[in-house]
Amino acid sequence: MLDRIEFLISEAFTALRRNGLMTFAAVTTAAASLFLLGGLGYVYYRVSGFTANVSSKFEIDVFMRMDLPRPQALDAAARIKALPGVRNVTLLPKEQAWKEWQEKLNLSPEGIDNPLPDKLKVMLNDPTKADALASSIQLMPEVYQPRGVEYSKDAQRLIDLMMSLVRWLGLACGGVLFLTAGILIHNAIRLTVIARRREIRIMQLVGASYSTIWIPFVIEGMIQGMIGGFLAAFLLWAAQGGIQRFIEGITSQIAFPPFPLWTIVGLLSATGAIYGFFCSAFAVREPLRQVIGALR
């Protein structure tokens, strides 16, 4: 059993060395495809992280009635915190807010009554629910009427648009690139089978079974995909480095997060190997049968 496995793996590596041009074409094809696919995935990951970070800072200001006792304000805060989509609620007492305004405007507190109400800062988990939450909170009897709820509708719509755009762009472009990568690897392996008709005939003459002929081609596809993923990861690393140096030459206000090189190497190499397996398995089956049938 071990001898058979060793033979199949050695056949795959021998074929890779003998067919250097086809191997180069398949590896570069896989690398280019996975570079595009991995690049889109990385951009999607970073933009999703950015929108999630912005979303976590989105808040709604809720102003209580001027005559509302503090215990009722705290009770309203607890009920708002229990609403779906609310992450946290913080009470800003009117005494603290008035003191901050006095310091900001350099006002003397003598002879001036506090004109501010208690305020709640409502942090959201999902800013797309801001409109519905604002409407629900405004109907609460503890809230100042008729306009006791304030938030940035433009910011909420921008975040909603960004999240929708990233989601649909990732699905559409990712699907197209994934299909394109499969077609390119499939064609490269298919051409490899056709170009090696003589080797297949020799293996058949010495009594090799169909699976013995088929498995080395599949291993080749996995190796080509894995090497392509490895190269694609370093191409992404170099691309981000180039973009980062270019941006930093223009402005120092944008900070780039560190590139997770070895995580990307592992992900793209594994993706390339799995993708190479399925693409080569489908690519080899039909032309290999045709070659074997024609040589009988």
C-alpha atoms as a PDB file:
ATOM      1  CA  MET A   1       0.000   0.000   0.000  1.00  0.00           C
ATOM      2  CA  LEU A   2       2.757   2.418   0.935  1.00  0.00           C
ATOM      3  CA  ASP A   3       4.657   1.466  -2.227  1.00  0.00           C
ATOM      4  CA  ARG A   4       1.589   2.308  -4.299  1.00  0.00           C
ATOM      5  CA  ILE A   5       1.147   5.703  -2.601  1.00  0.00           C
ATOM      6  CA  GLU A   6       4.835   6.464  -3.057  1.00  0.00           C
ATOM      7  CA  PHE A   7       4.595   5.510  -6.726  1.00  0.00           C
ATOM      8  CA  LEU A   8       1.568   7.734  -7.362  1.00  0.00           C
ATOM      9  CA  ILE A   9       3.155  10.744  -5.648  1.00  0.00           C
ATOM     10  CA  SER A  10       6.492  10.227  -7.424  1.00  0.00           C
ATOM     11  CA  GLU A  11       4.660   9.959 -10.757  1.00  0.00           C
ATOM     12  CA  ALA A  12       2.945  13.273 -10.086  1.00  0.00           C
ATOM     13  CA  PHE A  13       6.220  15.052  -9.267  1.00  0.00           C
ATOM     14  CA  THR A  14       7.986  13.420 -12.224  1.00  0.00           C
ATOM     15  CA  ALA A  15       5.236  14.626 -14.537  1.00  0.00           C
ATOM     16  CA  LEU A  16       5.515  18.123 -13.090  1.00  0.00           C
ATOM     17  CA  ARG A  17       9.238  18.183 -13.881  1.00  0.00           C
ATOM     18  CA  ARG A  18       8.889  16.654 -17.357  1.00  0.00           C
ATOM     19  CA  ASN A  19       6.100  18.986 -18.408  1.00  0.00           C
ATOM     20  CA  GLY A  20       7.645  22.171 -17.138  1.00  0.00           C
ATOM     21  CA  LEU A  21       5.880  24.473 -19.581  1.00  0.00           C
ATOM     22  CA  MET A  22       2.417  23.105 -18.845  1.00  0.00           C
ATOM     23  CA  THR A  23       3.171  23.126 -15.118  1.00  0.00           C
ATOM     24  CA  PHE A  24       4.271  26.762 -15.337  1.00  0.00           C
ATOM     25  CA  ALA A  25       1.091  27.664 -17.234  1.00  0.00           C
ATOM     26  CA  ALA A  26      -1.144  25.885 -14.714  1.00  0.00           C
ATOM     27  CA  VAL A  27       0.637  27.359 -11.678  1.00  0.00           C
ATOM     28  CA  THR A  28       0.604  30.918 -13.030  1.00  0.00           C
ATOM     29  CA  THR A  29      -3.049  30.534 -13.989  1.00  0.00           C
ATOM     30  CA  ALA A  30      -3.926  29.338 -10.494  1.00  0.00           C
ATOM     31  CA  ALA A  31      -1.800  32.087  -8.934  1.00  0.00           C
ATOM     32  CA  ALA A  32      -3.466  34.817 -11.012  1.00  0.00           C
ATOM     33  CA  SER A  33      -6.945  33.490 -10.286  1.00  0.00           C
ATOM     34  CA  LEU A  34      -6.325  33.062  -6.557  1.00  0.00           C
ATOM     35  CA  PHE A  35      -4.624  36.465  -6.402  1.00  0.00           C
ATOM     36  CA  LEU A  36      -7.783  38.097  -7.743  1.00  0.00           C
ATOM     37  CA  LEU A  37     -10.044  35.962  -5.596  1.00  0.00           C
ATOM     38  CA  GLY A  38      -7.902  36.371  -2.476  1.00  0.00           C
ATOM     39  CA  GLY A  39      -7.537  40.100  -3.077  1.00  0.00           C
ATOM     40  CA  LEU A  40     -11.279  40.542  -3.306  1.00  0.00           C
ATOM     41  CA  GLY A  41     -11.765  38.421  -0.198  1.00  0.00           C
ATOM     42  CA  TYR A  42      -9.187  40.450   1.732  1.00  0.00           C
ATOM     43  CA  VAL A  43     -10.752  43.749   0.659  1.00  0.00           C
ATOM     44  CA  TYR A  44     -14.176  42.388   1.639  1.00  0.00           C
ATOM     45  CA  TYR A  45     -12.802  41.366   5.042  1.00  0.00           C
ATOM     46  CA  ARG A  46     -11.238  44.775   5.693  1.00  0.00           C
ATOM     47  CA  VAL A  47     -14.249  46.773   4.484  1.00  0.00           C
ATOM     48  CA  SER A  48     -16.573  44.580   6.555  1.00  0.00           C
ATOM     49  CA  GLY A  49     -14.373  45.230   9.582  1.00  0.00           C
ATOM     50  CA  PHE A  50     -14.470  48.957   8.876  1.00  0.00           C
ATOM     51  CA  THR A  51     -18.249  49.056   8.548  1.00  0.00           C
ATOM     52  CA  ALA A  52     -18.617  46.955  11.710  1.00  0.00           C
ATOM     53  CA  ASN A  53     -16.315  49.359  13.565  1.00  0.00           C
ATOM     54  CA  VAL A  54     -18.284  52.369  12.335  1.00  0.00           C
ATOM     55  CA  SER A  55     -21.547  50.626  13.170  1.00  0.00           C
ATOM     56  CA  SER A  56     -20.436  49.971  16.751  1.00  0.00           C
ATOM     57  CA  LYS A  57     -19.969  53.727  17.248  1.00  0.00           C
ATOM     58  CA  PHE A  58     -23.398  54.678  15.891  1.00  0.00           C
ATOM     59  CA  GLU A  59     -25.634  56.158  18.585  1.00  0.00           C
ATOM     60  CA  ILE A  60     -29.020  57.759  19.141  1.00  0.00           C
ATOM     61  CA  ASP A  61     -29.531  60.664  21.576  1.00  0.00           C
ATOM     62  CA  VAL A  62     -32.778  60.453  23.558  1.00  0.00           C
ATOM     63  CA  PHE A  63     -33.899  63.524  25.557  1.00  0.00           C
ATOM     64  CA  MET A  64     -36.173  62.941  28.531  1.00  0.00           C
ATOM     65  CA  ARG A  65     -39.010  65.253  29.639  1.00  0.00           C
ATOM     66  CA  MET A  66     -37.850  68.216  31.719  1.00  0.00           C
ATOM     67  CA  ASP A  67     -40.074  67.246  34.666  1.00  0.00           C
ATOM     68  CA  LEU A  68     -39.231  63.538  34.567  1.00  0.00           C
ATOM     69  CA  PRO A  69     -37.899  62.127  37.891  1.00  0.00           C
ATOM     70  CA  ARG A  70     -34.545  60.343  37.726  1.00  0.00           C
ATOM     71  CA  PRO A  71     -35.931  56.888  38.675  1.00  0.00           C
ATOM     72  CA  GLN A  72     -38.329  56.994  35.723  1.00  0.00           C
ATOM     73  CA  ALA A  73     -35.455  57.995  33.409  1.00  0.00           C
ATOM     74  CA  LEU A  74     -33.482  54.981  34.628  1.00  0.00           C
ATOM     75  CA  ASP A  75     -36.505  52.738  34.105  1.00  0.00           C
ATOM     76  CA  ALA A  76     -36.877  54.051  30.530  1.00  0.00           C
ATOM     77  CA  ALA A  77     -33.182  53.366  29.935  1.00  0.00           C
ATOM     78  CA  ALA A  78     -33.630  49.736  31.054  1.00  0.00           C
ATOM     79  CA  ARG A  79     -36.616  49.256  28.741  1.00  0.00           C
ATOM     80  CA  ILE A  80     -34.747  50.772  25.784  1.00  0.00           C
ATOM     81  CA  LYS A  81     -31.748  48.515  26.435  1.00  0.00           C
ATOM     82  CA  ALA A  82     -34.057  45.491  26.152  1.00  0.00           C
ATOM     83  CA  LEU A  83     -35.127  46.467  22.615  1.00  0.00           C
ATOM     84  CA  PRO A  84     -33.717  44.355  19.716  1.00  0.00           C
ATOM     85  CA  GLY A  85     -30.666  45.937  18.097  1.00  0.00           C
ATOM     86  CA  VAL A  86     -29.628  47.996  21.151  1.00  0.00           C
ATOM     87  CA  ARG A  87     -26.117  47.300  22.455  1.00  0.00           C
ATOM     88  CA  ASN A  88     -25.884  49.685  25.392  1.00  0.00           C
ATOM     89  CA  VAL A  89     -27.692  52.627  26.999  1.00  0.00           C
ATOM     90  CA  THR A  90     -25.936  55.301  29.076  1.00  0.00           C
ATOM     91  CA  LEU A  91     -27.671  57.987  31.134  1.00  0.00           C
ATOM     92  CA  LEU A  92     -26.125  61.458  30.961  1.00  0.00           C
ATOM     93  CA  PRO A  93     -27.557  63.405  33.957  1.00  0.00           C
ATOM     94  CA  LYS A  94     -28.685  66.924  33.255  1.00  0.00           C
ATOM     95  CA  GLU A  95     -26.442  68.244  36.046  1.00  0.00           C
ATOM     96  CA  GLN A  96     -23.357  66.824  34.356  1.00  0.00           C
ATOM     97  CA  ALA A  97     -24.415  68.108  30.931  1.00  0.00           C
ATOM     98  CA  TRP A  98     -25.087  71.594  32.329  1.00  0.00           C
ATOM     99  CA  LYS A  99     -21.696  71.677  34.025  1.00  0.00           C
ATOM    100  CA  GLU A 100     -19.979  70.712  30.753  1.00  0.00           C
ATOM    101  CA  TRP A 101     -21.807  73.454  28.870  1.00  0.00           C
ATOM    102  CA  GLN A 102     -20.856  76.024  31.508  1.00  0.00           C
ATOM    103  CA  GLU A 103     -17.186  75.100  31.167  1.00  0.00           C
ATOM    104  CA  LYS A 104     -17.416  75.047  27.377  1.00  0.00           C
ATOM    105  CA  LEU A 105     -19.132  78.454  27.127  1.00  0.00           C
ATOM    106  CA  ASN A 106     -17.432  79.960  30.208  1.00  0.00           C
ATOM    107  CA  LEU A 107     -20.779  80.750  31.866  1.00  0.00           C
ATOM    108  CA  SER A 108     -21.413  81.692  35.493  1.00  0.00           C
ATOM    109  CA  PRO A 109     -23.937  79.336  37.166  1.00  0.00           C
ATOM    110  CA  GLU A 110     -25.344  82.115  39.373  1.00  0.00           C
ATOM    111  CA  GLY A 111     -28.897  83.134  38.538  1.00  0.00           C
ATOM    112  CA  ILE A 112     -29.291  80.643  35.650  1.00  0.00           C
ATOM    113  CA  ASP A 113     -31.489  77.592  36.047  1.00  0.00           C
ATOM    114  CA  ASN A 114     -30.453  74.367  34.356  1.00  0.00           C
ATOM    115  CA  PRO A 115     -32.331  74.308  31.006  1.00  0.00           C
ATOM    116  CA  LEU A 116     -31.200  70.798  30.028  1.00  0.00           C
ATOM    117  CA  PRO A 117     -33.058  67.496  30.434  1.00  0.00           C
ATOM    118  CA  ASP A 118     -31.589  64.085  31.237  1.00  0.00           C
ATOM    119  CA  LYS A 119     -30.239  62.428  28.099  1.00  0.00           C
ATOM    120  CA  LEU A 120     -29.772  58.801  27.097  1.00  0.00           C
ATOM    121  CA  LYS A 121     -27.024  57.711  24.714  1.00  0.00           C
ATOM    122  CA  VAL A 122     -28.236  54.591  22.908  1.00  0.00           C
ATOM    123  CA  MET A 123     -25.536  52.504  21.170  1.00  0.00           C
ATOM    124  CA  LEU A 124     -26.769  50.159  18.433  1.00  0.00           C
ATOM    125  CA  ASN A 125     -25.630  46.742  17.257  1.00  0.00           C
ATOM    126  CA  ASP A 126     -27.219  47.235  13.859  1.00  0.00           C
ATOM    127  CA  PRO A 127     -27.500  50.822  12.555  1.00  0.00           C
ATOM    128  CA  THR A 128     -29.900  49.689   9.826  1.00  0.00           C
ATOM    129  CA  LYS A 129     -32.561  49.442  12.569  1.00  0.00           C
ATOM    130  CA  ALA A 130     -32.050  53.053  13.651  1.00  0.00           C
ATOM    131  CA  ASP A 131     -35.235  54.370  12.005  1.00  0.00           C
ATOM    132  CA  ALA A 132     -37.476  51.725  13.576  1.00  0.00           C
ATOM    133  CA  LEU A 133     -35.850  52.103  16.995  1.00  0.00           C
ATOM    134  CA  ALA A 134     -36.082  55.886  16.882  1.00  0.00           C
ATOM    135  CA  SER A 135     -39.800  55.688  16.092  1.00  0.00           C
ATOM    136  CA  SER A 136     -40.404  53.225  18.943  1.00  0.00           C
ATOM    137  CA  ILE A 137     -38.449  55.280  21.475  1.00  0.00           C
ATOM    138  CA  GLN A 138     -40.191  58.509  20.473  1.00  0.00           C
ATOM    139  CA  LEU A 139     -43.542  56.976  21.429  1.00  0.00           C
ATOM    140  CA  MET A 140     -42.399  56.350  25.013  1.00  0.00           C
ATOM    141  CA  PRO A 141     -44.151  58.713  27.502  1.00  0.00           C
ATOM    142  CA  GLU A 142     -40.859  59.557  29.255  1.00  0.00           C
ATOM    143  CA  VAL A 143     -39.361  61.036  26.073  1.00  0.00           C
ATOM    144  CA  TYR A 144     -39.590  64.739  25.253  1.00  0.00           C
ATOM    145  CA  GLN A 145     -42.295  65.496  22.699  1.00  0.00           C
ATOM    146  CA  PRO A 146     -42.552  65.997  19.804  1.00  0.00           C
ATOM    147  CA  ARG A 147     -38.855  65.587  18.894  1.00  0.00           C
ATOM    148  CA  GLY A 148     -36.930  63.954  21.692  1.00  0.00           C
ATOM    149  CA  VAL A 149     -34.889  61.544  19.567  1.00  0.00           C
ATOM    150  CA  GLU A 150     -31.932  62.700  17.494  1.00  0.00           C
ATOM    151  CA  TYR A 151     -29.477  60.786  15.317  1.00  0.00           C
ATOM    152  CA  SER A 152     -27.653  61.206  12.042  1.00  0.00           C
ATOM    153  CA  LYS A 153     -29.912  59.797   9.345  1.00  0.00           C
ATOM    154  CA  ASP A 154     -27.297  60.513   6.674  1.00  0.00           C
ATOM    155  CA  ALA A 155     -24.671  58.495   8.557  1.00  0.00           C
ATOM    156  CA  GLN A 156     -27.162  55.663   9.072  1.00  0.00           C
ATOM    157  CA  ARG A 157     -28.008  55.566   5.371  1.00  0.00           C
ATOM    158  CA  LEU A 158     -24.313  55.706   4.424  1.00  0.00           C
ATOM    159  CA  ILE A 159     -23.503  52.748   6.684  1.00  0.00           C
ATOM    160  CA  ASP A 160     -26.493  50.836   5.326  1.00  0.00           C
ATOM    161  CA  LEU A 161     -25.399  51.546   1.753  1.00  0.00           C
ATOM    162  CA  MET A 162     -21.797  50.525   2.431  1.00  0.00           C
ATOM    163  CA  MET A 163     -22.805  47.239   4.043  1.00  0.00           C
ATOM    164  CA  SER A 164     -25.190  46.384   1.187  1.00  0.00           C
ATOM    165  CA  LEU A 165     -22.613  47.339  -1.435  1.00  0.00           C
ATOM    166  CA  VAL A 166     -19.869  45.241   0.160  1.00  0.00           C
ATOM    167  CA  ARG A 167     -22.210  42.283   0.565  1.00  0.00           C
ATOM    168  CA  TRP A 168     -23.527  42.237  -3.007  1.00  0.00           C
ATOM    169  CA  LEU A 169     -20.201  43.173  -4.601  1.00  0.00           C
ATOM    170  CA  GLY A 170     -18.484  40.374  -2.705  1.00  0.00           C
ATOM    171  CA  LEU A 171     -21.087  37.826  -3.756  1.00  0.00           C
ATOM    172  CA  ALA A 172     -21.182  38.902  -7.403  1.00  0.00           C
ATOM    173  CA  CYS A 173     -17.485  39.475  -8.075  1.00  0.00           C
ATOM    174  CA  GLY A 174     -16.390  36.601  -5.845  1.00  0.00           C
ATOM    175  CA  GLY A 175     -18.688  34.202  -7.669  1.00  0.00           C
ATOM    176  CA  VAL A 176     -17.474  35.340 -11.092  1.00  0.00           C
ATOM    177  CA  LEU A 177     -13.801  35.087 -10.110  1.00  0.00           C
ATOM    178  CA  PHE A 178     -14.307  31.697  -8.474  1.00  0.00           C
ATOM    179  CA  LEU A 179     -15.959  30.373 -11.640  1.00  0.00           C
ATOM    180  CA  THR A 180     -13.255  31.917 -13.833  1.00  0.00           C
ATOM    181  CA  ALA A 181     -10.491  30.366 -11.732  1.00  0.00           C
ATOM    182  CA  GLY A 182     -12.156  26.950 -12.026  1.00  0.00           C
ATOM    183  CA  ILE A 183     -12.439  27.197 -15.805  1.00  0.00           C
ATOM    184  CA  LEU A 184      -8.778  28.225 -16.185  1.00  0.00           C
ATOM    185  CA  ILE A 185      -7.444  25.427 -13.969  1.00  0.00           C
ATOM    186  CA  HIS A 186      -9.810  22.924 -15.610  1.00  0.00           C
ATOM    187  CA  ASN A 187      -8.555  23.836 -19.089  1.00  0.00           C
ATOM    188  CA  ALA A 188      -4.901  23.736 -18.023  1.00  0.00           C
ATOM    189  CA  ILE A 189      -5.259  20.200 -16.610  1.00  0.00           C
ATOM    190  CA  ARG A 190      -7.282  19.084 -19.633  1.00  0.00           C
ATOM    191  CA  LEU A 191      -4.554  20.264 -22.009  1.00  0.00           C
ATOM    192  CA  THR A 192      -1.973  18.465 -19.861  1.00  0.00           C
ATOM    193  CA  VAL A 193      -3.816  15.155 -20.301  1.00  0.00           C
ATOM    194  CA  ILE A 194      -4.042  15.599 -24.062  1.00  0.00           C
ATOM    195  CA  ALA A 195      -0.356  16.551 -24.317  1.00  0.00           C
ATOM    196  CA  ARG A 196       0.712  13.401 -22.457  1.00  0.00           C
ATOM    197  CA  ARG A 197      -1.054  10.783 -24.553  1.00  0.00           C
ATOM    198  CA  ARG A 198       2.180   8.792 -25.058  1.00  0.00           C
ATOM    199  CA  GLU A 199       2.878   8.540 -21.338  1.00  0.00           C
ATOM    200  CA  ILE A 200      -0.667   7.341 -20.736  1.00  0.00           C
ATOM    201  CA  ARG A 201      -0.252   4.691 -23.411  1.00  0.00           C
ATOM    202  CA  ILE A 202       2.997   3.452 -21.859  1.00  0.00           C
ATOM    203  CA  MET A 203       1.384   3.232 -18.405  1.00  0.00           C
ATOM    204  CA  GLN A 204      -1.531   1.329 -19.911  1.00  0.00           C
ATOM    205  CA  LEU A 205       0.782  -1.141 -21.674  1.00  0.00           C
ATOM    206  CA  VAL A 206       2.562  -2.018 -18.434  1.00  0.00           C
ATOM    207  CA  GLY A 207      -0.782  -2.865 -16.836  1.00  0.00           C
ATOM    208  CA  ALA A 208      -1.662   0.323 -14.969  1.00  0.00           C
ATOM    209  CA  SER A 209      -5.321   0.593 -13.964  1.00  0.00           C
ATOM    210  CA  TYR A 210      -7.494   3.604 -14.707  1.00  0.00           C
ATOM    211  CA  SER A 211      -7.200   4.880 -11.120  1.00  0.00           C
ATOM    212  CA  THR A 212      -3.400   4.517 -11.237  1.00  0.00           C
ATOM    213  CA  ILE A 213      -3.323   6.751 -14.306  1.00  0.00           C
ATOM    214  CA  TRP A 214      -5.980   9.139 -12.947  1.00  0.00           C
ATOM    215  CA  ILE A 215      -4.620   9.778  -9.434  1.00  0.00           C
ATOM    216  CA  PRO A 216      -1.240  11.358 -10.455  1.00  0.00           C
ATOM    217  CA  PHE A 217      -3.092  13.922 -12.574  1.00  0.00           C
ATOM    218  CA  VAL A 218      -5.285  14.830  -9.606  1.00  0.00           C
ATOM    219  CA  ILE A 219      -2.228  15.123  -7.360  1.00  0.00           C
ATOM    220  CA  GLU A 220      -0.660  17.367 -10.009  1.00  0.00           C
ATOM    221  CA  GLY A 221      -3.729  19.611  -9.932  1.00  0.00           C
ATOM    222  CA  MET A 222      -3.579  19.831  -6.145  1.00  0.00           C
ATOM    223  CA  ILE A 223       0.137  20.670  -6.181  1.00  0.00           C
ATOM    224  CA  GLN A 224      -0.340  23.266  -8.915  1.00  0.00           C
ATOM    225  CA  GLY A 225      -3.237  24.842  -7.039  1.00  0.00           C
ATOM    226  CA  MET A 226      -1.313  24.844  -3.751  1.00  0.00           C
ATOM    227  CA  ILE A 227       1.761  26.462  -5.321  1.00  0.00           C
ATOM    228  CA  GLY A 228      -0.501  28.957  -7.063  1.00  0.00           C
ATOM    229  CA  GLY A 229      -2.130  29.844  -3.736  1.00  0.00           C
ATOM    230  CA  PHE A 230       1.295  30.222  -2.110  1.00  0.00           C
ATOM    231  CA  LEU A 231       2.433  32.613  -4.840  1.00  0.00           C
ATOM    232  CA  ALA A 232      -0.876  34.495  -4.769  1.00  0.00           C
ATOM    233  CA  ALA A 233      -0.481  35.156  -1.032  1.00  0.00           C
ATOM    234  CA  PHE A 234       2.934  36.747  -1.534  1.00  0.00           C
ATOM    235  CA  LEU A 235       1.614  38.735  -4.494  1.00  0.00           C
ATOM    236  CA  LEU A 236      -1.124  40.105  -2.223  1.00  0.00           C
ATOM    237  CA  TRP A 237       1.459  40.930   0.424  1.00  0.00           C
ATOM    238  CA  ALA A 238       3.578  42.787  -2.156  1.00  0.00           C
ATOM    239  CA  ALA A 239       0.510  44.558  -3.575  1.00  0.00           C
ATOM    240  CA  GLN A 240      -0.565  45.843  -0.165  1.00  0.00           C
ATOM    241  CA  GLY A 241       2.997  46.950   0.562  1.00  0.00           C
ATOM    242  CA  GLY A 242       3.105  48.911  -2.695  1.00  0.00           C
ATOM    243  CA  ILE A 243      -0.294  50.510  -2.096  1.00  0.00           C
ATOM    244  CA  GLN A 244       0.656  51.318   1.490  1.00  0.00           C
ATOM    245  CA  ARG A 245       3.898  53.036   0.463  1.00  0.00           C
ATOM    246  CA  PHE A 246       2.044  54.991  -2.223  1.00  0.00           C
ATOM    247  CA  ILE A 247      -0.665  56.180   0.202  1.00  0.00           C
ATOM    248  CA  GLU A 248       1.867  57.035   2.915  1.00  0.00           C
ATOM    249  CA  GLY A 249       3.750  59.140   0.367  1.00  0.00           C
ATOM    250  CA  ILE A 250       0.598  61.219  -0.107  1.00  0.00           C
ATOM    251  CA  THR A 251      -0.738  61.410   3.439  1.00  0.00           C
ATOM    252  CA  SER A 252       0.137  60.111   6.882  1.00  0.00           C
ATOM    253  CA  GLN A 253      -3.460  60.228   8.137  1.00  0.00           C
ATOM    254  CA  ILE A 254      -4.316  56.699   6.970  1.00  0.00           C
ATOM    255  CA  ALA A 255      -3.001  53.783   9.025  1.00  0.00           C
ATOM    256  CA  PHE A 256      -2.868  50.351   7.411  1.00  0.00           C
ATOM    257  CA  PRO A 257      -3.405  47.263   9.572  1.00  0.00           C
ATOM    258  CA  PRO A 258      -0.664  44.614   9.477  1.00  0.00           C
ATOM    259  CA  PHE A 259      -1.029  42.096   6.671  1.00  0.00           C
ATOM    260  CA  PRO A 260      -1.666  38.547   8.046  1.00  0.00           C
ATOM    261  CA  LEU A 261       0.816  36.946   5.637  1.00  0.00           C
ATOM    262  CA  TRP A 262       1.017  33.402   6.988  1.00  0.00           C
ATOM    263  CA  THR A 263      -2.714  33.195   7.604  1.00  0.00           C
ATOM    264  CA  ILE A 264      -3.319  34.227   3.998  1.00  0.00           C
ATOM    265  CA  VAL A 265      -0.631  31.780   2.803  1.00  0.00           C
ATOM    266  CA  GLY A 266      -2.364  28.929   4.618  1.00  0.00           C
ATOM    267  CA  LEU A 267      -5.843  29.881   3.420  1.00  0.00           C
ATOM    268  CA  LEU A 268      -4.919  30.396  -0.234  1.00  0.00           C
ATOM    269  CA  SER A 269      -2.663  27.328  -0.367  1.00  0.00           C
ATOM    270  CA  ALA A 270      -5.437  25.163   1.103  1.00  0.00           C
ATOM    271  CA  THR A 271      -7.998  26.750  -1.214  1.00  0.00           C
ATOM    272  CA  GLY A 272      -5.724  26.169  -4.204  1.00  0.00           C
ATOM    273  CA  ALA A 273      -5.151  22.519  -3.262  1.00  0.00           C
ATOM    274  CA  ILE A 274      -8.866  21.802  -2.773  1.00  0.00           C
ATOM    275  CA  TYR A 275      -9.802  23.719  -5.893  1.00  0.00           C
ATOM    276  CA  GLY A 276      -7.057  21.987  -7.872  1.00  0.00           C
ATOM    277  CA  PHE A 277      -8.369  18.610  -6.720  1.00  0.00           C
ATOM    278  CA  PHE A 278     -11.937  19.196  -7.904  1.00  0.00           C
ATOM    279  CA  CYS A 279     -10.963  20.990 -11.108  1.00  0.00           C
ATOM    280  CA  SER A 280      -8.427  18.333 -12.102  1.00  0.00           C
ATOM    281  CA  ALA A 281     -10.802  15.502 -11.151  1.00  0.00           C
ATOM    282  CA  PHE A 282     -13.444  16.848 -13.512  1.00  0.00           C
ATOM    283  CA  ALA A 283     -10.930  17.859 -16.170  1.00  0.00           C
ATOM    284  CA  VAL A 284      -9.144  14.513 -16.307  1.00  0.00           C
ATOM    285  CA  ARG A 285     -12.097  12.147 -16.350  1.00  0.00           C
ATOM    286  CA  GLU A 286     -13.523  12.591 -19.855  1.00  0.00           C
ATOM    287  CA  PRO A 287     -10.351  13.331 -21.916  1.00  0.00           C
ATOM    288  CA  LEU A 288      -8.500  10.505 -20.144  1.00  0.00           C
ATOM    289  CA  ARG A 289     -11.218   8.041 -21.159  1.00  0.00           C
ATOM    290  CA  GLN A 290     -11.092   9.360 -24.706  1.00  0.00           C
ATOM    291  CA  VAL A 291      -7.284   9.014 -24.872  1.00  0.00           C
ATOM    292  CA  ILE A 292      -7.345   5.488 -23.435  1.00  0.00           C
ATOM    293  CA  GLY A 293     -10.178   4.501 -25.754  1.00  0.00           C
ATOM    294  CA  ALA A 294      -8.379   5.912 -28.803  1.00  0.00           C
ATOM    295  CA  LEU A 295      -5.156   4.074 -27.949  1.00  0.00           C
ATOM    296  CA  ARG A 296      -6.774   0.651 -27.552  1.00  0.00           C
END
